[in-house]
Amino acid sequence: MRYWWVNQNQTFRQEIEGGYLWSPKRNKNGNRNPFYEFMREVAPGDIVFSFFETRIAALGVVSGYCRESPKPEEFGTAGTNWSQIGWRVGVRWQRLTNAVRPKDHIARLRPDLANKYAPLTLEGNGLQSVYLTAVSAPLATTLKSLIGPEASRAEDLGHEVSKIERDTPAPEQDTEEWERRLEIEITTDVAIRETERSALVLARRGQGQFRDNVRAIERACRITRVERMEHLVASHVRPWRDSNNEQRLDGENGLLLTPTVDHLFDKGFISFEDSGQLIVSPVADPMSMKRMGIDHDRRINVGAFSEGQRCYLDFHRENVLRMAHVDTGTGRRG
């Protein structure tokens, strides 16, 4: 279990009522934002302190992993400069009756504020530049003691949720709807030949021409080395929803993977360096990974990739892999 702090002044009502967190992927200038990157390492059972209008107004228990998702329509004009595709995490929120004002207790909180990515100033004021940031265990302990029994109940629920991931298909309806709309656009686009429209739709499920194109490049699952095609899935590296029509059919935008490995790759629990070195997400459960044939303690290299594959893998690492590209060190302030 980890602890997080989110500043929700613009979108508090929408996120609390909707049961989620949502952030853009990048700043408006295209640069990485550590407070958006942290979304990628949130895991089921984690606890989130929601800061709104100078107080911790709600506590949340994370119910799923981060995934790509369109900007919620209910945001309206909030965040007009935000990108239309960002990160989303399911959260079970509970508004607090004891909404603690951190500034009133900053003398107790200050020693445990991190030197980097802290959610508060040394005076106890909220930082507008912060969206989501990690909270150290000592700081979380103090916050929970200030909040009281409501924090204890959230902690108990967090332990329960962390035992078994609750990220059922239902929370991903927004992604399914996103892809369905793209599919409708393709099927109704008279500028695309009928045979190509059919190939593009089949490619969404890893079938048809796309599967044949991948098979011409890849011969076996990169992890398990299984070669029998009936046991392999043609998996997009750059997801179908994020690709243009050419990329959706490009064989270099695919890998042949056994279903279990396809699940891990598609959901961002694993990726690959250009060199072929396997990357395992820090939120992946080590025991589950081992049972699926991937040992955290063993270095795995699956072999070199082509130049085209490396371009697609760069997108996968940047947009699918559940790993924050920031220094997450949290030194304490004295």
Protein backbone atom coordinates (compact mmCIF):
# COMPACT_ATOMS: atom_id res chain seq x y z
CA MET A 1 0.00 0.00 0.00
CA ARG A 2 1.19 3.48 -0.92
CA TYR A 3 -0.19 6.89 -0.04
CA TRP A 4 -0.92 9.76 -2.41
CA TRP A 5 -2.03 13.38 -2.23
CA VAL A 6 -4.18 14.97 -4.93
CA ASN A 7 -5.07 18.64 -5.35
CA GLN A 8 -8.54 18.80 -6.93
CA ASN A 9 -9.55 22.44 -6.83
CA GLN A 10 -10.71 22.45 -10.49
CA THR A 11 -12.29 18.99 -10.70
CA PHE A 12 -13.11 17.93 -7.13
CA ARG A 13 -16.85 17.47 -7.61
CA GLN A 14 -16.57 15.62 -10.92
CA GLU A 15 -13.87 13.22 -9.75
CA ILE A 16 -15.41 12.53 -6.34
CA GLU A 17 -18.88 11.88 -7.78
CA GLY A 18 -17.51 9.93 -10.74
CA GLY A 19 -15.17 7.73 -8.70
CA TYR A 20 -11.86 8.42 -10.43
CA LEU A 21 -8.77 10.56 -10.89
CA TRP A 22 -7.95 12.00 -14.32
CA SER A 23 -4.96 13.98 -15.53
CA PRO A 24 -3.44 14.99 -18.86
CA LYS A 25 -0.34 13.08 -19.94
CA ARG A 26 1.87 16.11 -20.48
CA ASN A 27 2.03 19.85 -19.86
CA LYS A 28 0.57 22.04 -22.59
CA ASN A 29 4.11 22.53 -23.96
CA GLY A 30 4.49 18.76 -24.37
CA ASN A 31 6.93 18.27 -21.51
CA ARG A 32 6.57 15.61 -18.83
CA ASN A 33 4.92 16.64 -15.59
CA PRO A 34 5.94 14.54 -12.57
CA PHE A 35 2.53 15.08 -11.00
CA TYR A 36 0.88 13.49 -14.03
CA GLU A 37 3.52 10.78 -14.33
CA PHE A 38 2.75 9.57 -10.79
CA MET A 39 -0.67 8.45 -12.04
CA ARG A 40 1.12 5.55 -13.75
CA GLU A 41 2.26 4.00 -10.46
CA VAL A 42 -0.98 4.10 -8.50
CA ALA A 43 -2.22 0.60 -7.65
CA PRO A 44 -5.36 -1.00 -6.15
CA GLY A 45 -5.53 -0.57 -2.38
CA ASP A 46 -3.50 2.65 -2.29
CA ILE A 47 -4.90 5.53 -0.23
CA VAL A 48 -5.43 9.03 -1.67
CA PHE A 49 -5.82 12.21 0.39
CA SER A 50 -7.96 14.72 -1.52
CA PHE A 51 -7.05 18.37 -0.88
CA PHE A 52 -9.76 20.87 -1.76
CA GLU A 53 -10.16 24.49 -0.71
CA THR A 54 -7.42 24.34 1.97
CA ARG A 55 -8.69 21.10 3.56
CA ILE A 56 -8.39 17.35 3.17
CA ALA A 57 -12.00 16.95 2.11
CA ALA A 58 -12.12 13.28 1.09
CA LEU A 59 -10.24 10.00 1.29
CA GLY A 60 -10.08 7.54 -1.57
CA VAL A 61 -9.15 3.89 -1.97
CA VAL A 62 -7.73 3.13 -5.41
CA SER A 63 -9.76 0.42 -7.15
CA GLY A 64 -7.81 -0.04 -10.39
CA TYR A 65 -4.64 0.67 -12.29
CA CYS A 66 -3.89 3.69 -14.46
CA ARG A 67 -4.97 3.56 -18.10
CA GLU A 68 -5.36 5.85 -21.08
CA SER A 69 -8.73 7.58 -21.16
CA PRO A 70 -10.43 10.53 -22.90
CA LYS A 71 -10.89 13.72 -20.92
CA PRO A 72 -14.17 13.37 -18.98
CA GLU A 73 -17.01 15.26 -20.64
CA GLU A 74 -18.25 16.40 -17.23
CA PHE A 75 -15.11 18.55 -16.81
CA GLY A 76 -16.72 21.06 -19.17
CA THR A 77 -14.55 24.17 -19.40
CA ALA A 78 -12.18 23.05 -16.62
CA GLY A 79 -8.66 22.60 -17.93
CA THR A 80 -9.25 24.11 -21.37
CA ASN A 81 -5.56 23.68 -22.18
CA TRP A 82 -5.48 19.99 -21.22
CA SER A 83 -5.07 17.33 -23.88
CA GLN A 84 -8.11 15.26 -24.84
CA ILE A 85 -6.43 11.97 -23.92
CA GLY A 86 -4.92 11.46 -20.48
CA TRP A 87 -4.54 9.08 -17.53
CA ARG A 88 -7.46 7.73 -15.49
CA VAL A 89 -7.50 5.77 -12.22
CA GLY A 90 -10.60 4.35 -10.51
CA VAL A 91 -11.04 5.47 -6.88
CA ARG A 92 -13.65 4.75 -4.20
CA TRP A 93 -14.11 8.16 -2.61
CA GLN A 94 -15.54 9.03 0.79
CA ARG A 95 -16.13 12.65 1.76
CA LEU A 96 -14.84 13.39 5.26
CA THR A 97 -16.92 14.79 8.08
CA ASN A 98 -13.63 15.76 9.76
CA ALA A 99 -12.09 17.79 6.94
CA VAL A 100 -8.65 18.59 8.35
CA ARG A 101 -6.95 21.88 7.47
CA PRO A 102 -3.22 21.00 7.13
CA LYS A 103 -2.10 24.58 7.73
CA ASP A 104 -3.48 24.35 11.28
CA HIS A 105 -1.13 21.40 11.96
CA ILE A 106 1.89 22.31 9.86
CA ALA A 107 4.28 22.11 12.83
CA ARG A 108 3.50 18.37 13.07
CA LEU A 109 3.47 17.83 9.30
CA ARG A 110 6.52 19.87 8.28
CA PRO A 111 9.26 17.39 9.35
CA ASP A 112 7.83 14.70 7.08
CA LEU A 113 7.35 16.86 3.98
CA ALA A 114 9.55 15.61 1.16
CA ASN A 115 12.31 17.82 -0.21
CA LYS A 116 11.03 17.01 -3.70
CA TYR A 117 7.42 16.89 -4.95
CA ALA A 118 5.93 17.88 -1.57
CA PRO A 119 2.17 18.66 -1.65
CA LEU A 120 2.45 21.64 0.73
CA THR A 121 4.72 24.60 1.32
CA LEU A 122 6.60 24.80 4.61
CA GLU A 123 3.90 27.23 5.76
CA GLY A 124 1.18 24.66 5.07
CA ASN A 125 -0.29 26.16 1.92
CA GLY A 126 -1.34 23.98 -0.99
CA LEU A 127 0.76 24.07 -4.15
CA GLN A 128 -1.26 24.87 -7.24
CA SER A 129 1.36 23.22 -9.47
CA VAL A 130 0.80 19.83 -7.81
CA TYR A 131 -1.85 17.39 -9.03
CA LEU A 132 -0.88 13.94 -7.70
CA THR A 133 2.17 13.24 -5.56
CA ALA A 134 3.41 10.52 -3.25
CA VAL A 135 3.02 10.83 0.53
CA SER A 136 5.57 9.18 2.82
CA ALA A 137 4.38 6.66 5.40
CA PRO A 138 5.32 8.97 8.35
CA LEU A 139 3.39 11.88 6.82
CA ALA A 140 0.43 9.61 6.09
CA THR A 141 0.45 8.36 9.68
CA THR A 142 0.20 11.92 11.01
CA LEU A 143 -2.57 12.80 8.55
CA LYS A 144 -4.53 9.69 9.50
CA SER A 145 -4.23 10.48 13.18
CA LEU A 146 -5.59 13.98 12.53
CA ILE A 147 -8.51 12.65 10.49
CA GLY A 148 -9.41 9.92 12.97
CA PRO A 149 -11.71 6.88 12.56
CA GLU A 150 -12.64 7.71 8.96
CA ALA A 151 -9.00 7.20 8.00
CA SER A 152 -8.89 3.85 9.78
CA ARG A 153 -11.91 2.64 7.83
CA ALA A 154 -10.30 3.69 4.55
CA GLU A 155 -7.12 1.87 5.53
CA ASP A 156 -9.07 -1.33 6.23
CA LEU A 157 -10.78 -1.09 2.84
CA GLY A 158 -7.42 -0.48 1.19
CA HIS A 159 -5.99 -3.69 2.64
CA GLU A 160 -9.05 -5.58 1.42
CA VAL A 161 -8.85 -4.18 -2.11
CA SER A 162 -5.09 -4.75 -2.40
CA LYS A 163 -5.58 -8.50 -1.90
CA ILE A 164 -7.41 -8.81 -5.19
CA GLU A 165 -7.48 -6.32 -8.01
CA ARG A 166 -10.99 -4.92 -8.48
CA ASP A 167 -10.35 -3.42 -11.91
CA THR A 168 -13.19 -5.29 -13.66
CA PRO A 169 -14.09 -4.56 -17.29
CA ALA A 170 -16.78 -2.07 -16.20
CA PRO A 171 -14.37 0.78 -15.33
CA GLU A 172 -12.92 0.53 -18.84
CA GLN A 173 -16.21 1.31 -20.59
CA ASP A 174 -14.84 4.75 -21.46
CA THR A 175 -11.96 3.17 -23.39
CA GLU A 176 -14.29 0.72 -25.11
CA GLU A 177 -16.56 3.62 -26.13
CA TRP A 178 -13.55 5.58 -27.39
CA GLU A 179 -12.48 2.68 -29.63
CA ARG A 180 -16.06 2.01 -30.76
CA ARG A 181 -16.42 5.60 -31.95
CA LEU A 182 -13.16 5.33 -33.88
CA GLU A 183 -14.40 2.12 -35.47
CA ILE A 184 -17.64 3.82 -36.55
CA GLU A 185 -15.63 6.65 -38.10
CA ILE A 186 -13.70 4.10 -40.13
CA THR A 187 -16.72 2.09 -41.28
CA THR A 188 -18.56 5.23 -42.42
CA ASP A 189 -15.58 6.89 -44.14
CA VAL A 190 -16.32 6.53 -47.87
CA ALA A 191 -12.82 7.80 -48.68
CA ILE A 192 -11.45 4.45 -47.45
CA ARG A 193 -11.82 1.43 -49.71
CA GLU A 194 -14.24 -1.20 -48.38
CA THR A 195 -11.55 -3.89 -48.15
CA GLU A 196 -9.30 -1.54 -46.17
CA ARG A 197 -12.16 -0.58 -43.84
CA SER A 198 -12.69 -4.26 -43.10
CA ALA A 199 -8.97 -4.80 -42.49
CA LEU A 200 -8.79 -1.83 -40.10
CA VAL A 201 -11.76 -3.04 -38.06
CA LEU A 202 -10.34 -6.58 -37.84
CA ALA A 203 -6.98 -5.13 -36.79
CA ARG A 204 -8.56 -3.79 -33.61
CA ARG A 205 -8.83 -7.41 -32.42
CA GLY A 206 -5.46 -8.45 -33.85
CA GLN A 207 -7.02 -10.28 -36.76
CA GLY A 208 -6.94 -10.28 -40.57
CA GLN A 209 -4.31 -8.41 -42.55
CA PHE A 210 -2.66 -6.99 -39.45
CA ARG A 211 -2.06 -10.47 -38.03
CA ASP A 212 -0.61 -11.60 -41.38
CA ASN A 213 1.67 -8.55 -41.50
CA VAL A 214 2.96 -9.21 -37.98
CA ARG A 215 3.47 -12.88 -38.77
CA ALA A 216 5.72 -11.92 -41.70
CA ILE A 217 8.10 -10.26 -39.20
CA GLU A 218 7.66 -12.12 -35.89
CA ARG A 219 7.88 -15.92 -35.63
CA ALA A 220 7.26 -16.61 -31.94
CA CYS A 221 6.30 -15.09 -28.62
CA ARG A 222 9.22 -12.98 -27.44
CA ILE A 223 8.86 -14.21 -23.85
CA THR A 224 7.69 -17.83 -24.02
CA ARG A 225 9.16 -18.69 -27.45
CA VAL A 226 5.88 -20.45 -28.40
CA GLU A 227 5.70 -20.69 -32.21
CA ARG A 228 2.32 -22.32 -32.87
CA MET A 229 0.06 -19.63 -34.32
CA GLU A 230 -3.08 -21.02 -32.70
CA HIS A 231 -1.54 -20.10 -29.33
CA LEU A 232 -0.45 -16.57 -30.30
CA VAL A 233 -2.11 -13.15 -30.30
CA ALA A 234 -1.11 -10.36 -32.69
CA SER A 235 -0.75 -7.48 -30.23
CA HIS A 236 -0.39 -3.82 -31.23
CA VAL A 237 2.64 -2.10 -29.71
CA ARG A 238 1.21 1.37 -30.26
CA PRO A 239 -2.45 0.71 -29.34
CA TRP A 240 -4.99 0.61 -32.15
CA ARG A 241 -6.85 3.56 -30.64
CA ASP A 242 -3.66 5.70 -30.68
CA SER A 243 -2.63 4.78 -34.23
CA ASN A 244 -3.46 6.17 -37.63
CA ASN A 245 -4.78 3.82 -40.30
CA GLU A 246 -1.34 3.04 -41.69
CA GLN A 247 0.01 2.23 -38.23
CA ARG A 248 -3.01 0.03 -37.46
CA LEU A 249 -1.99 -2.38 -40.21
CA ASP A 250 1.80 -2.02 -39.99
CA GLY A 251 3.41 -5.35 -39.13
CA GLU A 252 6.20 -3.57 -37.26
CA ASN A 253 3.56 -2.20 -34.92
CA GLY A 254 2.88 -5.69 -33.61
CA LEU A 255 4.26 -8.60 -31.64
CA LEU A 256 3.12 -12.21 -31.53
CA LEU A 257 2.49 -13.03 -27.87
CA THR A 258 0.85 -15.81 -25.92
CA PRO A 259 -2.43 -14.61 -24.31
CA THR A 260 -0.95 -14.13 -20.83
CA VAL A 261 2.00 -12.13 -22.13
CA ASP A 262 -0.35 -10.16 -24.42
CA HIS A 263 -2.40 -9.21 -21.34
CA LEU A 264 0.70 -7.99 -19.49
CA PHE A 265 1.95 -6.03 -22.51
CA ASP A 266 -1.44 -4.56 -23.45
CA LYS A 267 -2.13 -3.43 -19.87
CA GLY A 268 1.33 -1.91 -19.41
CA PHE A 269 2.69 -4.32 -16.81
CA ILE A 270 5.66 -5.05 -19.10
CA SER A 271 7.45 -3.39 -21.99
CA PHE A 272 10.83 -3.66 -23.72
CA GLU A 273 13.92 -1.56 -24.13
CA ASP A 274 15.17 -1.09 -27.70
CA SER A 275 17.91 -3.59 -26.85
CA GLY A 276 15.33 -6.28 -26.07
CA GLN A 277 15.68 -5.97 -22.30
CA LEU A 278 12.37 -6.70 -20.56
CA ILE A 279 10.93 -3.91 -18.40
CA VAL A 280 8.57 -4.87 -15.57
CA SER A 281 6.28 -2.22 -14.11
CA PRO A 282 6.80 -1.44 -10.40
CA VAL A 283 3.07 -1.97 -9.81
CA ALA A 284 3.13 -5.54 -11.16
CA ASP A 285 2.63 -8.14 -8.42
CA PRO A 286 5.86 -10.21 -8.23
CA MET A 287 4.12 -13.45 -7.28
CA SER A 288 1.55 -13.15 -10.06
CA MET A 289 4.28 -12.31 -12.56
CA LYS A 290 6.30 -15.35 -11.50
CA ARG A 291 3.27 -17.61 -11.93
CA MET A 292 2.89 -16.18 -15.43
CA GLY A 293 6.49 -17.06 -16.27
CA ILE A 294 8.25 -13.75 -15.57
CA ASP A 295 10.71 -13.67 -12.67
CA HIS A 296 11.49 -10.19 -11.31
CA ASP A 297 14.89 -11.38 -10.15
CA ARG A 298 16.03 -12.63 -13.55
CA ARG A 299 17.16 -10.38 -16.37
CA ILE A 300 15.34 -11.28 -19.58
CA ASN A 301 16.42 -10.16 -23.03
CA VAL A 302 14.10 -11.09 -25.89
CA GLY A 303 16.40 -10.11 -28.74
CA ALA A 304 16.83 -7.08 -30.96
CA PHE A 305 14.02 -5.14 -32.61
CA SER A 306 13.92 -3.47 -36.01
CA GLU A 307 14.12 0.30 -36.37
CA GLY A 308 10.37 0.48 -37.00
CA GLN A 309 9.58 -1.66 -33.98
CA ARG A 310 11.80 0.52 -31.81
CA CYS A 311 9.77 3.61 -32.77
CA TYR A 312 6.56 1.91 -31.72
CA LEU A 313 8.14 0.60 -28.51
CA ASP A 314 9.12 4.15 -27.60
CA PHE A 315 5.42 5.07 -27.72
CA HIS A 316 4.52 2.02 -25.62
CA ARG A 317 7.04 2.94 -22.91
CA GLU A 318 5.84 6.55 -22.90
CA ASN A 319 2.08 5.95 -23.03
CA VAL A 320 1.21 2.41 -21.93
CA LEU A 321 3.85 1.18 -19.47
CA ARG A 322 2.80 1.70 -15.86
CA MET A 323 6.00 3.36 -14.75
CA ALA A 324 6.56 7.01 -13.86
CA HIS A 325 9.47 8.63 -15.68
CA VAL A 326 10.53 10.73 -12.71
CA ASP A 327 12.87 10.50 -9.76
CA THR A 328 10.53 9.33 -7.00
CA GLY A 329 12.99 9.86 -4.14
CA THR A 330 11.26 11.49 -1.17
CA GLY A 331 13.83 12.91 1.21
CA ARG A 332 12.39 14.42 4.40
CA ARG A 333 12.69 18.06 5.39
CA GLY A 334 14.22 18.87 8.74
